[in-house]
Amino acid sequence: MTDTIFLAGASRGVGREIAKCLRKQQLKVKAMVRSESARDQLEALGIEGGIGDALNVAEIEQAMDGDAISAVISTIGGKPTDGERADFKGNRNLIDAAVKVGAKKFLLITSIGSGNSSPALPLQALETLSAVLAEKEQAENHLIASGLPYTIIRPGGLKSDPPATGQGILTENPLVAGVIHRADVAALVCQCLLSDRATNKILSAVDRNAIYGTPIFEEFQLD
């Protein structure tokens, strides 16, 4: 049985870009989405889609059933105005399910501003996003405590236009902030998936030409 990459959050945004990237690498991908339309769009890309809500443990386990899951990637989360968000609870359910099925790695996409990267954001942004960032930090901590090999990627401000620049970089410095194109985040995630150097690392992702201020930092090398 071919190992499968299980992707949660592929309906749109960074998750959809990761789905495209994984398919380009000819990896077997199974995506969990919440709508029939999103599943149809993914299946048109050659990706198996399953309907499920990350807040429902049984639906996650059903979506993972029948496949040898080698890695789980999650981009799920919500907005400050949402009611019950998946930032912590949904990711906690996915992490626990990944442990249960024996996944070899979990890649969690959160945000600059989470955990020890909070000083990288302006105070106003922190206040606006405080509830979301607190849940993302909980999810990060749950993943670290799970015992799963992990990579946590914290992107900066996300953009869809102009097109991807190919200038996305990673750093272990939590004080770096900036913006980055969603497709460039996806490219970095796909590289981290295949890199042993990224295992058990927390990395910030920004465009090298769109960094706020002039911080001194080292770029994290994946090979």
N, C-alpha and C. Protein backbone atom coordinates (compact mmCIF):
# COMPACT_ATOMS: atom_id res chain seq x y z
N MET A 1 0.84 -1.20 0.00
CA MET A 1 0.00 0.00 0.00
C MET A 1 0.88 1.25 0.00
N THR A 2 0.62 2.16 -0.92
CA THR A 2 1.39 3.39 -1.01
C THR A 2 1.04 4.32 0.14
N ASP A 3 2.06 4.89 0.77
CA ASP A 3 1.81 5.83 1.85
C ASP A 3 1.08 7.07 1.33
N THR A 4 0.24 7.61 2.19
CA THR A 4 -0.62 8.73 1.82
C THR A 4 -0.32 9.95 2.69
N ILE A 5 -0.31 11.12 2.07
CA ILE A 5 -0.24 12.38 2.79
C ILE A 5 -1.67 12.82 3.05
N PHE A 6 -2.02 13.01 4.31
CA PHE A 6 -3.37 13.44 4.69
C PHE A 6 -3.34 14.94 4.91
N LEU A 7 -4.19 15.65 4.17
CA LEU A 7 -4.19 17.11 4.19
C LEU A 7 -5.53 17.64 4.68
N ALA A 8 -5.51 18.43 5.73
CA ALA A 8 -6.71 19.06 6.26
C ALA A 8 -6.64 20.56 6.01
N GLY A 9 -7.70 21.11 5.43
CA GLY A 9 -7.73 22.54 5.14
C GLY A 9 -7.48 22.87 3.68
N ALA A 10 -7.76 21.91 2.80
CA ALA A 10 -7.42 22.09 1.38
C ALA A 10 -8.51 22.79 0.57
N SER A 11 -9.55 23.27 1.23
CA SER A 11 -10.65 23.90 0.50
C SER A 11 -10.22 25.18 -0.21
N ARG A 12 -9.27 25.89 0.41
CA ARG A 12 -8.88 27.20 -0.14
C ARG A 12 -7.53 27.61 0.44
N GLY A 13 -7.06 28.78 0.01
CA GLY A 13 -5.88 29.38 0.62
C GLY A 13 -4.63 28.54 0.54
N VAL A 14 -3.86 28.57 1.63
CA VAL A 14 -2.59 27.85 1.68
C VAL A 14 -2.83 26.35 1.49
N GLY A 15 -3.89 25.83 2.08
CA GLY A 15 -4.17 24.40 1.95
C GLY A 15 -4.37 23.96 0.52
N ARG A 16 -5.10 24.76 -0.26
CA ARG A 16 -5.30 24.43 -1.67
C ARG A 16 -3.98 24.49 -2.43
N GLU A 17 -3.15 25.47 -2.11
CA GLU A 17 -1.84 25.58 -2.78
C GLU A 17 -0.95 24.40 -2.42
N ILE A 18 -1.02 23.92 -1.16
CA ILE A 18 -0.25 22.74 -0.77
C ILE A 18 -0.73 21.53 -1.55
N ALA A 19 -2.04 21.39 -1.72
CA ALA A 19 -2.58 20.27 -2.48
C ALA A 19 -2.00 20.25 -3.90
N LYS A 20 -1.97 21.40 -4.54
CA LYS A 20 -1.42 21.50 -5.89
C LYS A 20 0.07 21.12 -5.91
N CYS A 21 0.80 21.60 -4.91
CA CYS A 21 2.24 21.34 -4.83
C CYS A 21 2.52 19.86 -4.64
N LEU A 22 1.76 19.22 -3.78
CA LEU A 22 1.96 17.79 -3.53
C LEU A 22 1.67 16.96 -4.77
N ARG A 23 0.65 17.36 -5.52
CA ARG A 23 0.32 16.63 -6.75
C ARG A 23 1.43 16.80 -7.79
N LYS A 24 2.02 17.98 -7.85
CA LYS A 24 3.14 18.18 -8.78
C LYS A 24 4.30 17.24 -8.47
N GLN A 25 4.45 16.92 -7.18
CA GLN A 25 5.50 16.00 -6.76
C GLN A 25 5.07 14.54 -6.87
N GLN A 26 3.87 14.34 -7.41
CA GLN A 26 3.33 13.00 -7.67
C GLN A 26 3.21 12.17 -6.38
N LEU A 27 2.90 12.85 -5.29
CA LEU A 27 2.65 12.17 -4.03
C LEU A 27 1.17 11.82 -3.92
N LYS A 28 0.87 10.74 -3.23
CA LYS A 28 -0.52 10.36 -3.03
C LYS A 28 -1.10 11.20 -1.90
N VAL A 29 -2.18 11.91 -2.21
CA VAL A 29 -2.76 12.85 -1.26
C VAL A 29 -4.23 12.51 -1.02
N LYS A 30 -4.62 12.56 0.24
CA LYS A 30 -6.03 12.47 0.60
C LYS A 30 -6.37 13.72 1.39
N ALA A 31 -7.37 14.44 0.95
CA ALA A 31 -7.73 15.70 1.59
C ALA A 31 -9.07 15.59 2.29
N MET A 32 -9.16 16.19 3.45
CA MET A 32 -10.44 16.26 4.16
C MET A 32 -10.97 17.69 4.06
N VAL A 33 -12.17 17.81 3.50
CA VAL A 33 -12.81 19.11 3.33
C VAL A 33 -14.23 19.04 3.88
N ARG A 34 -14.88 20.20 3.96
CA ARG A 34 -16.21 20.23 4.59
C ARG A 34 -17.35 20.36 3.61
N SER A 35 -17.06 20.46 2.30
CA SER A 35 -18.15 20.63 1.34
C SER A 35 -17.96 19.75 0.11
N GLU A 36 -19.07 19.41 -0.52
CA GLU A 36 -19.04 18.61 -1.74
C GLU A 36 -18.32 19.36 -2.87
N SER A 37 -18.55 20.67 -2.96
CA SER A 37 -17.94 21.45 -4.04
C SER A 37 -16.42 21.46 -3.93
N ALA A 38 -15.91 21.59 -2.69
CA ALA A 38 -14.46 21.57 -2.49
C ALA A 38 -13.90 20.20 -2.84
N ARG A 39 -14.62 19.15 -2.48
CA ARG A 39 -14.16 17.80 -2.82
C ARG A 39 -14.11 17.61 -4.32
N ASP A 40 -15.12 18.09 -5.03
CA ASP A 40 -15.15 17.95 -6.49
C ASP A 40 -13.97 18.69 -7.13
N GLN A 41 -13.65 19.87 -6.61
CA GLN A 41 -12.52 20.64 -7.15
C GLN A 41 -11.20 19.91 -6.94
N LEU A 42 -11.03 19.30 -5.78
CA LEU A 42 -9.80 18.57 -5.49
C LEU A 42 -9.70 17.30 -6.33
N GLU A 43 -10.82 16.62 -6.51
CA GLU A 43 -10.78 15.40 -7.29
C GLU A 43 -10.48 15.69 -8.76
N ALA A 44 -10.82 16.90 -9.20
CA ALA A 44 -10.46 17.32 -10.56
C ALA A 44 -8.94 17.49 -10.70
N LEU A 45 -8.27 17.71 -9.57
CA LEU A 45 -6.80 17.82 -9.55
C LEU A 45 -6.14 16.46 -9.36
N GLY A 46 -6.95 15.41 -9.20
CA GLY A 46 -6.40 14.08 -8.98
C GLY A 46 -6.17 13.75 -7.53
N ILE A 47 -6.85 14.48 -6.64
CA ILE A 47 -6.68 14.28 -5.20
C ILE A 47 -7.94 13.67 -4.63
N GLU A 48 -7.79 12.58 -3.90
CA GLU A 48 -8.94 11.96 -3.25
C GLU A 48 -9.45 12.87 -2.15
N GLY A 49 -10.75 13.12 -2.15
CA GLY A 49 -11.33 14.00 -1.15
C GLY A 49 -12.33 13.28 -0.27
N GLY A 50 -12.32 13.65 1.01
CA GLY A 50 -13.28 13.10 1.94
C GLY A 50 -13.97 14.23 2.67
N ILE A 51 -15.25 14.06 2.97
CA ILE A 51 -15.99 15.07 3.70
C ILE A 51 -15.82 14.85 5.19
N GLY A 52 -15.47 15.90 5.90
CA GLY A 52 -15.31 15.77 7.35
C GLY A 52 -15.05 17.11 8.00
N ASP A 53 -15.36 17.18 9.27
CA ASP A 53 -15.16 18.38 10.08
C ASP A 53 -14.12 18.05 11.14
N ALA A 54 -13.08 18.87 11.22
CA ALA A 54 -12.01 18.59 12.18
C ALA A 54 -12.48 18.67 13.62
N LEU A 55 -13.63 19.28 13.86
CA LEU A 55 -14.17 19.33 15.21
C LEU A 55 -14.88 18.03 15.60
N ASN A 56 -14.98 17.11 14.63
CA ASN A 56 -15.67 15.84 14.86
C ASN A 56 -14.65 14.70 14.76
N VAL A 57 -14.31 14.10 15.89
CA VAL A 57 -13.28 13.06 15.92
C VAL A 57 -13.65 11.88 15.02
N ALA A 58 -14.89 11.44 15.08
CA ALA A 58 -15.31 10.28 14.30
C ALA A 58 -15.15 10.53 12.80
N GLU A 59 -15.45 11.75 12.36
CA GLU A 59 -15.32 12.07 10.94
C GLU A 59 -13.85 12.09 10.50
N ILE A 60 -12.96 12.55 11.37
CA ILE A 60 -11.53 12.52 11.05
C ILE A 60 -11.06 11.07 10.91
N GLU A 61 -11.42 10.25 11.88
CA GLU A 61 -10.97 8.85 11.85
C GLU A 61 -11.53 8.12 10.64
N GLN A 62 -12.76 8.44 10.26
CA GLN A 62 -13.34 7.83 9.06
C GLN A 62 -12.60 8.28 7.81
N ALA A 63 -12.23 9.57 7.76
CA ALA A 63 -11.51 10.10 6.59
C ALA A 63 -10.13 9.47 6.45
N MET A 64 -9.48 9.16 7.58
CA MET A 64 -8.14 8.56 7.55
C MET A 64 -8.18 7.06 7.33
N ASP A 65 -9.31 6.44 7.56
CA ASP A 65 -9.42 4.98 7.51
C ASP A 65 -9.11 4.44 6.12
N GLY A 66 -8.42 3.31 6.09
CA GLY A 66 -8.16 2.63 4.83
C GLY A 66 -6.88 3.04 4.14
N ASP A 67 -6.17 3.99 4.70
CA ASP A 67 -4.92 4.46 4.09
C ASP A 67 -3.77 4.34 5.08
N ALA A 68 -2.58 4.06 4.56
CA ALA A 68 -1.38 4.11 5.40
C ALA A 68 -0.91 5.56 5.40
N ILE A 69 -1.21 6.29 6.47
CA ILE A 69 -0.92 7.72 6.52
C ILE A 69 0.52 7.93 6.96
N SER A 70 1.34 8.44 6.07
CA SER A 70 2.74 8.68 6.42
C SER A 70 2.93 10.05 7.08
N ALA A 71 2.13 11.02 6.68
CA ALA A 71 2.25 12.37 7.24
C ALA A 71 0.90 13.06 7.18
N VAL A 72 0.68 13.95 8.14
CA VAL A 72 -0.52 14.78 8.17
C VAL A 72 -0.09 16.23 8.09
N ILE A 73 -0.78 16.98 7.25
CA ILE A 73 -0.54 18.41 7.12
C ILE A 73 -1.84 19.13 7.44
N SER A 74 -1.77 20.12 8.33
CA SER A 74 -2.98 20.87 8.68
C SER A 74 -2.77 22.36 8.52
N THR A 75 -3.70 22.97 7.79
CA THR A 75 -3.72 24.43 7.67
C THR A 75 -4.98 25.02 8.28
N ILE A 76 -5.75 24.19 8.99
CA ILE A 76 -7.07 24.64 9.43
C ILE A 76 -6.99 25.72 10.50
N GLY A 77 -8.01 26.55 10.53
CA GLY A 77 -8.09 27.62 11.51
C GLY A 77 -9.30 28.49 11.22
N GLY A 78 -9.44 29.55 11.99
CA GLY A 78 -10.60 30.41 11.81
C GLY A 78 -10.24 31.87 11.94
N LYS A 79 -11.26 32.71 11.81
CA LYS A 79 -11.10 34.15 11.93
C LYS A 79 -11.51 34.59 13.34
N PRO A 80 -11.04 35.77 13.77
CA PRO A 80 -11.42 36.24 15.10
C PRO A 80 -12.93 36.34 15.30
N THR A 81 -13.68 36.53 14.20
CA THR A 81 -15.13 36.69 14.30
C THR A 81 -15.89 35.38 14.29
N ASP A 82 -15.19 34.26 14.03
CA ASP A 82 -15.85 32.96 14.00
C ASP A 82 -16.28 32.55 15.40
N GLY A 83 -17.25 31.66 15.46
CA GLY A 83 -17.70 31.14 16.75
C GLY A 83 -16.71 30.10 17.26
N GLU A 84 -17.10 28.83 17.17
CA GLU A 84 -16.17 27.77 17.59
C GLU A 84 -15.18 27.52 16.47
N ARG A 85 -13.92 27.85 16.72
CA ARG A 85 -12.88 27.71 15.70
C ARG A 85 -12.17 26.37 15.82
N ALA A 86 -11.51 26.00 14.75
CA ALA A 86 -10.76 24.74 14.73
C ALA A 86 -9.29 24.92 15.06
N ASP A 87 -8.87 26.16 15.34
CA ASP A 87 -7.44 26.44 15.53
C ASP A 87 -6.81 25.52 16.58
N PHE A 88 -7.48 25.35 17.72
CA PHE A 88 -6.97 24.41 18.71
C PHE A 88 -7.72 23.08 18.66
N LYS A 89 -9.03 23.11 18.84
CA LYS A 89 -9.78 21.86 18.98
C LYS A 89 -9.66 20.98 17.74
N GLY A 90 -9.79 21.58 16.58
CA GLY A 90 -9.69 20.81 15.35
C GLY A 90 -8.31 20.22 15.16
N ASN A 91 -7.29 21.03 15.40
CA ASN A 91 -5.93 20.54 15.25
C ASN A 91 -5.59 19.50 16.33
N ARG A 92 -6.12 19.70 17.54
CA ARG A 92 -5.91 18.68 18.58
C ARG A 92 -6.48 17.34 18.13
N ASN A 93 -7.68 17.37 17.54
CA ASN A 93 -8.30 16.12 17.06
C ASN A 93 -7.47 15.48 15.96
N LEU A 94 -6.95 16.30 15.05
CA LEU A 94 -6.13 15.77 13.96
C LEU A 94 -4.83 15.18 14.49
N ILE A 95 -4.21 15.85 15.45
CA ILE A 95 -2.96 15.35 16.04
C ILE A 95 -3.19 14.02 16.74
N ASP A 96 -4.26 13.95 17.52
CA ASP A 96 -4.56 12.70 18.23
C ASP A 96 -4.85 11.56 17.26
N ALA A 97 -5.56 11.87 16.17
CA ALA A 97 -5.86 10.86 15.15
C ALA A 97 -4.58 10.42 14.45
N ALA A 98 -3.67 11.36 14.21
CA ALA A 98 -2.39 11.03 13.55
C ALA A 98 -1.57 10.09 14.42
N VAL A 99 -1.58 10.33 15.73
CA VAL A 99 -0.89 9.42 16.66
C VAL A 99 -1.51 8.02 16.57
N LYS A 100 -2.83 7.99 16.54
CA LYS A 100 -3.57 6.72 16.55
C LYS A 100 -3.27 5.87 15.32
N VAL A 101 -3.12 6.53 14.15
CA VAL A 101 -2.88 5.76 12.93
C VAL A 101 -1.39 5.53 12.66
N GLY A 102 -0.52 6.05 13.54
CA GLY A 102 0.91 5.82 13.39
C GLY A 102 1.58 6.67 12.33
N ALA A 103 1.09 7.89 12.13
CA ALA A 103 1.74 8.80 11.18
C ALA A 103 3.18 9.06 11.60
N LYS A 104 4.03 9.27 10.62
CA LYS A 104 5.45 9.46 10.90
C LYS A 104 5.83 10.93 11.08
N LYS A 105 4.92 11.84 10.69
CA LYS A 105 5.25 13.27 10.79
C LYS A 105 3.96 14.08 10.73
N PHE A 106 3.96 15.20 11.41
CA PHE A 106 2.82 16.12 11.38
C PHE A 106 3.35 17.52 11.10
N LEU A 107 2.83 18.15 10.05
CA LEU A 107 3.18 19.52 9.71
C LEU A 107 2.00 20.42 10.02
N LEU A 108 2.22 21.38 10.91
CA LEU A 108 1.16 22.28 11.35
C LEU A 108 1.49 23.69 10.91
N ILE A 109 0.56 24.30 10.19
CA ILE A 109 0.75 25.68 9.72
C ILE A 109 -0.07 26.59 10.63
N THR A 110 0.62 27.48 11.35
CA THR A 110 -0.05 28.39 12.28
C THR A 110 0.13 29.83 11.80
N SER A 111 0.84 30.64 12.55
CA SER A 111 0.99 32.05 12.15
C SER A 111 2.08 32.71 12.97
N ILE A 112 2.83 33.61 12.34
CA ILE A 112 3.69 34.49 13.11
C ILE A 112 2.80 35.27 14.08
N GLY A 113 3.24 35.35 15.32
CA GLY A 113 2.43 35.92 16.39
C GLY A 113 2.04 34.88 17.41
N SER A 114 2.16 33.60 17.00
CA SER A 114 1.87 32.50 17.92
C SER A 114 3.08 32.22 18.80
N GLY A 115 2.83 31.85 20.05
CA GLY A 115 3.92 31.45 20.94
C GLY A 115 4.97 32.51 21.12
N ASN A 116 6.24 32.10 21.01
CA ASN A 116 7.33 33.05 21.25
C ASN A 116 7.56 34.02 20.11
N SER A 117 6.72 33.96 19.06
CA SER A 117 6.84 34.93 17.97
C SER A 117 5.92 36.13 18.16
N SER A 118 5.21 36.19 19.28
CA SER A 118 4.29 37.32 19.51
C SER A 118 4.97 38.68 19.46
N PRO A 119 6.23 38.83 19.94
CA PRO A 119 6.87 40.15 19.86
C PRO A 119 7.13 40.63 18.43
N ALA A 120 7.00 39.73 17.45
CA ALA A 120 7.25 40.12 16.06
C ALA A 120 6.11 40.95 15.48
N LEU A 121 4.92 40.92 16.11
CA LEU A 121 3.76 41.63 15.58
C LEU A 121 3.52 42.94 16.32
N PRO A 122 2.97 43.93 15.63
CA PRO A 122 2.58 45.17 16.30
C PRO A 122 1.50 44.89 17.34
N LEU A 123 1.44 45.74 18.36
CA LEU A 123 0.50 45.55 19.45
C LEU A 123 -0.94 45.48 18.96
N GLN A 124 -1.29 46.33 18.00
CA GLN A 124 -2.66 46.35 17.49
C GLN A 124 -3.03 45.01 16.85
N ALA A 125 -2.12 44.45 16.09
CA ALA A 125 -2.38 43.15 15.46
C ALA A 125 -2.53 42.05 16.51
N LEU A 126 -1.69 42.10 17.53
CA LEU A 126 -1.78 41.11 18.60
C LEU A 126 -3.13 41.18 19.31
N GLU A 127 -3.60 42.41 19.55
CA GLU A 127 -4.88 42.57 20.23
C GLU A 127 -6.03 42.05 19.38
N THR A 128 -5.98 42.33 18.06
CA THR A 128 -7.04 41.89 17.16
C THR A 128 -7.08 40.37 17.04
N LEU A 129 -5.90 39.77 17.03
CA LEU A 129 -5.80 38.33 16.77
C LEU A 129 -5.57 37.50 18.03
N SER A 130 -5.68 38.12 19.18
CA SER A 130 -5.25 37.46 20.42
C SER A 130 -5.93 36.11 20.65
N ALA A 131 -7.25 36.03 20.43
CA ALA A 131 -7.95 34.77 20.68
C ALA A 131 -7.50 33.67 19.72
N VAL A 132 -7.35 34.04 18.44
CA VAL A 132 -6.91 33.07 17.44
C VAL A 132 -5.49 32.61 17.74
N LEU A 133 -4.60 33.55 18.03
CA LEU A 133 -3.20 33.21 18.28
C LEU A 133 -3.05 32.34 19.53
N ALA A 134 -3.88 32.59 20.54
CA ALA A 134 -3.83 31.76 21.75
C ALA A 134 -4.19 30.32 21.43
N GLU A 135 -5.18 30.12 20.55
CA GLU A 135 -5.57 28.76 20.17
C GLU A 135 -4.48 28.10 19.31
N LYS A 136 -3.88 28.88 18.43
CA LYS A 136 -2.79 28.33 17.62
C LYS A 136 -1.63 27.88 18.50
N GLU A 137 -1.33 28.67 19.52
CA GLU A 137 -0.26 28.29 20.44
C GLU A 137 -0.62 27.00 21.18
N GLN A 138 -1.88 26.87 21.60
CA GLN A 138 -2.31 25.62 22.23
C GLN A 138 -2.11 24.43 21.30
N ALA A 139 -2.44 24.62 20.03
CA ALA A 139 -2.27 23.53 19.06
C ALA A 139 -0.79 23.18 18.90
N GLU A 140 0.05 24.19 18.81
CA GLU A 140 1.50 23.95 18.71
C GLU A 140 1.99 23.14 19.91
N ASN A 141 1.57 23.54 21.11
CA ASN A 141 2.02 22.85 22.32
C ASN A 141 1.51 21.42 22.38
N HIS A 142 0.28 21.22 21.92
CA HIS A 142 -0.28 19.86 21.91
C HIS A 142 0.50 18.97 20.95
N LEU A 143 0.87 19.51 19.82
CA LEU A 143 1.64 18.74 18.84
C LEU A 143 3.02 18.37 19.41
N ILE A 144 3.68 19.33 20.02
CA ILE A 144 5.01 19.07 20.58
C ILE A 144 4.93 17.99 21.66
N ALA A 145 3.87 18.05 22.48
CA ALA A 145 3.72 17.09 23.57
C ALA A 145 3.26 15.71 23.11
N SER A 146 2.79 15.62 21.86
CA SER A 146 2.20 14.36 21.36
C SER A 146 3.23 13.27 21.15
N GLY A 147 4.48 13.64 20.95
CA GLY A 147 5.52 12.67 20.63
C GLY A 147 5.69 12.44 19.14
N LEU A 148 4.80 13.01 18.33
CA LEU A 148 4.96 12.90 16.88
C LEU A 148 6.14 13.75 16.40
N PRO A 149 6.93 13.24 15.45
CA PRO A 149 7.86 14.13 14.77
C PRO A 149 7.06 15.24 14.09
N TYR A 150 7.49 16.47 14.24
CA TYR A 150 6.67 17.59 13.78
C TYR A 150 7.51 18.65 13.07
N THR A 151 6.82 19.46 12.29
CA THR A 151 7.34 20.73 11.82
C THR A 151 6.21 21.74 11.96
N ILE A 152 6.49 22.84 12.64
CA ILE A 152 5.52 23.92 12.79
C ILE A 152 6.00 25.08 11.94
N ILE A 153 5.15 25.52 11.03
CA ILE A 153 5.50 26.64 10.14
C ILE A 153 4.56 27.79 10.43
N ARG A 154 5.15 28.95 10.73
CA ARG A 154 4.39 30.15 11.05
C ARG A 154 4.57 31.17 9.92
N PRO A 155 3.62 31.25 8.99
CA PRO A 155 3.75 32.24 7.92
C PRO A 155 3.48 33.65 8.45
N GLY A 156 4.02 34.63 7.72
CA GLY A 156 3.66 36.02 7.98
C GLY A 156 2.33 36.34 7.32
N GLY A 157 2.08 37.63 7.07
CA GLY A 157 0.85 38.04 6.40
C GLY A 157 0.73 37.38 5.05
N LEU A 158 -0.44 36.82 4.75
CA LEU A 158 -0.62 36.02 3.54
C LEU A 158 -1.18 36.84 2.39
N LYS A 159 -0.61 36.62 1.19
CA LYS A 159 -1.03 37.33 -0.01
C LYS A 159 -1.36 36.34 -1.11
N SER A 160 -2.28 36.73 -1.98
CA SER A 160 -2.57 35.95 -3.18
C SER A 160 -2.12 36.68 -4.44
N ASP A 161 -2.03 38.00 -4.36
CA ASP A 161 -1.57 38.81 -5.49
C ASP A 161 -0.47 39.73 -4.98
N PRO A 162 0.54 40.01 -5.80
CA PRO A 162 0.78 39.48 -7.15
C PRO A 162 1.15 38.00 -7.08
N PRO A 163 1.46 37.38 -8.24
CA PRO A 163 1.78 35.96 -8.23
C PRO A 163 2.95 35.63 -7.32
N ALA A 164 3.08 34.32 -7.02
CA ALA A 164 4.17 33.85 -6.16
C ALA A 164 5.51 34.36 -6.66
N THR A 165 6.38 34.69 -5.72
CA THR A 165 7.68 35.27 -6.08
C THR A 165 8.80 34.24 -6.13
N GLY A 166 8.60 33.11 -5.46
CA GLY A 166 9.69 32.14 -5.36
C GLY A 166 10.75 32.56 -4.36
N GLN A 167 10.46 33.58 -3.58
CA GLN A 167 11.43 34.12 -2.63
C GLN A 167 11.06 33.82 -1.18
N GLY A 168 10.23 32.82 -0.97
CA GLY A 168 9.87 32.44 0.39
C GLY A 168 11.05 31.82 1.11
N ILE A 169 11.25 32.22 2.37
CA ILE A 169 12.35 31.68 3.16
C ILE A 169 11.83 31.29 4.55
N LEU A 170 12.62 30.48 5.22
CA LEU A 170 12.31 30.04 6.58
C LEU A 170 13.41 30.51 7.52
N THR A 171 13.03 30.77 8.77
CA THR A 171 14.02 31.11 9.79
C THR A 171 13.54 30.60 11.14
N GLU A 172 14.50 30.26 12.00
CA GLU A 172 14.16 29.87 13.37
C GLU A 172 14.05 31.09 14.28
N ASN A 173 14.36 32.25 13.77
CA ASN A 173 14.29 33.48 14.57
C ASN A 173 12.82 33.89 14.73
N PRO A 174 12.26 33.84 15.94
CA PRO A 174 10.84 34.15 16.12
C PRO A 174 10.51 35.63 16.06
N LEU A 175 11.52 36.49 15.92
CA LEU A 175 11.28 37.93 15.91
C LEU A 175 11.16 38.49 14.50
N VAL A 176 11.28 37.63 13.50
CA VAL A 176 11.16 38.06 12.10
C VAL A 176 9.69 38.05 11.69
N ALA A 177 9.27 39.11 11.00
CA ALA A 177 7.90 39.18 10.49
C ALA A 177 7.91 39.81 9.11
N GLY A 178 6.85 39.60 8.37
CA GLY A 178 6.73 40.14 7.02
C GLY A 178 5.52 39.53 6.35
N VAL A 179 5.50 39.56 5.03
CA VAL A 179 4.41 38.96 4.28
C VAL A 179 4.96 37.90 3.35
N ILE A 180 4.06 37.06 2.84
CA ILE A 180 4.48 35.98 1.94
C ILE A 180 3.27 35.52 1.14
N HIS A 181 3.51 35.12 -0.08
CA HIS A 181 2.46 34.62 -0.96
C HIS A 181 2.05 33.22 -0.52
N ARG A 182 0.78 32.91 -0.60
CA ARG A 182 0.29 31.60 -0.17
C ARG A 182 0.97 30.46 -0.91
N ALA A 183 1.21 30.63 -2.20
CA ALA A 183 1.86 29.57 -2.98
C ALA A 183 3.31 29.37 -2.55
N ASP A 184 3.96 30.44 -2.09
CA ASP A 184 5.33 30.31 -1.60
C ASP A 184 5.35 29.58 -0.26
N VAL A 185 4.34 29.82 0.58
CA VAL A 185 4.23 29.04 1.82
C VAL A 185 4.08 27.56 1.48
N ALA A 186 3.22 27.27 0.52
CA ALA A 186 2.98 25.88 0.13
C ALA A 186 4.27 25.21 -0.35
N ALA A 187 5.06 25.92 -1.13
CA ALA A 187 6.32 25.36 -1.61
C ALA A 187 7.25 25.02 -0.45
N LEU A 188 7.29 25.90 0.55
CA LEU A 188 8.13 25.64 1.72
C LEU A 188 7.62 24.46 2.52
N VAL A 189 6.30 24.34 2.65
CA VAL A 189 5.71 23.21 3.37
C VAL A 189 6.08 21.90 2.69
N CYS A 190 5.97 21.87 1.37
CA CYS A 190 6.30 20.65 0.63
C CYS A 190 7.77 20.30 0.77
N GLN A 191 8.63 21.30 0.82
CA GLN A 191 10.05 21.04 1.03
C GLN A 191 10.30 20.50 2.44
N CYS A 192 9.62 21.07 3.43
CA CYS A 192 9.78 20.60 4.81
C CYS A 192 9.31 19.17 4.98
N LEU A 193 8.27 18.80 4.25
CA LEU A 193 7.74 17.44 4.32
C LEU A 193 8.81 16.42 3.99
N LEU A 194 9.68 16.75 3.07
CA LEU A 194 10.68 15.81 2.57
C LEU A 194 12.06 16.03 3.18
N SER A 195 12.16 16.94 4.14
CA SER A 195 13.47 17.28 4.71
C SER A 195 13.57 16.82 6.17
N ASP A 196 14.58 16.00 6.45
CA ASP A 196 14.81 15.58 7.83
C ASP A 196 15.26 16.76 8.70
N ARG A 197 15.88 17.75 8.10
CA ARG A 197 16.37 18.89 8.87
C ARG A 197 15.22 19.70 9.48
N ALA A 198 14.05 19.59 8.88
CA ALA A 198 12.90 20.36 9.38
C ALA A 198 12.18 19.66 10.52
N THR A 199 12.57 18.44 10.82
CA THR A 199 11.87 17.68 11.86
C THR A 199 12.10 18.29 13.23
N ASN A 200 11.01 18.45 13.96
CA ASN A 200 11.01 19.02 15.32
C ASN A 200 11.54 20.45 15.35
N LYS A 201 11.17 21.21 14.31
CA LYS A 201 11.54 22.61 14.22
C LYS A 201 10.29 23.50 14.19
N ILE A 202 10.43 24.70 14.73
CA ILE A 202 9.41 25.74 14.61
C ILE A 202 10.02 26.84 13.75
N LEU A 203 9.40 27.11 12.60
CA LEU A 203 10.00 27.99 11.60
C LEU A 203 9.03 29.08 11.17
N SER A 204 9.53 30.29 11.06
CA SER A 204 8.74 31.40 10.51
C SER A 204 8.99 31.47 9.01
N ALA A 205 7.93 31.80 8.25
CA ALA A 205 8.02 31.86 6.79
C ALA A 205 7.65 33.25 6.29
N VAL A 206 8.56 33.87 5.56
CA VAL A 206 8.33 35.20 5.00
C VAL A 206 8.96 35.28 3.62
N ASP A 207 8.60 36.30 2.86
CA ASP A 207 9.27 36.60 1.60
C ASP A 207 10.52 37.40 1.91
N ARG A 208 11.65 36.97 1.36
CA ARG A 208 12.91 37.63 1.70
C ARG A 208 12.91 39.13 1.33
N ASN A 209 12.03 39.50 0.41
CA ASN A 209 11.96 40.90 -0.03
C ASN A 209 10.79 41.66 0.60
N ALA A 210 10.14 41.05 1.58
CA ALA A 210 8.98 41.70 2.21
C ALA A 210 9.01 41.51 3.72
N ILE A 211 10.20 41.71 4.29
CA ILE A 211 10.39 41.57 5.73
C ILE A 211 10.24 42.94 6.38
N TYR A 212 9.56 42.97 7.52
CA TYR A 212 9.38 44.23 8.23
C TYR A 212 10.68 44.61 8.95
N GLY A 213 11.09 45.86 8.77
CA GLY A 213 12.30 46.33 9.45
C GLY A 213 13.54 45.69 8.85
N THR A 214 14.61 45.70 9.62
CA THR A 214 15.88 45.13 9.16
C THR A 214 16.46 44.20 10.23
N PRO A 215 15.72 43.15 10.58
CA PRO A 215 16.22 42.24 11.62
C PRO A 215 17.42 41.45 11.13
N ILE A 216 18.27 41.09 12.05
CA ILE A 216 19.42 40.24 11.74
C ILE A 216 18.99 38.80 12.04
N PHE A 217 19.07 37.95 11.05
CA PHE A 217 18.64 36.57 11.24
C PHE A 217 19.32 35.66 10.25
N GLU A 218 19.30 34.37 10.55
CA GLU A 218 19.84 33.36 9.65
C GLU A 218 18.70 32.66 8.94
N GLU A 219 18.87 32.46 7.66
CA GLU A 219 17.89 31.68 6.90
C GLU A 219 18.08 30.19 7.20
N PHE A 220 16.99 29.49 7.43
CA PHE A 220 17.05 28.06 7.72
C PHE A 220 17.18 27.29 6.42
N GLN A 221 18.18 26.44 6.34
CA GLN A 221 18.44 25.67 5.13
C GLN A 221 17.88 24.25 5.29
N LEU A 222 17.11 23.83 4.29
CA LEU A 222 16.46 22.53 4.36
C LEU A 222 17.31 21.39 3.83
N ASP A 223 18.42 21.72 3.17
CA ASP A 223 19.28 20.62 2.66
C ASP A 223 20.73 20.93 2.94
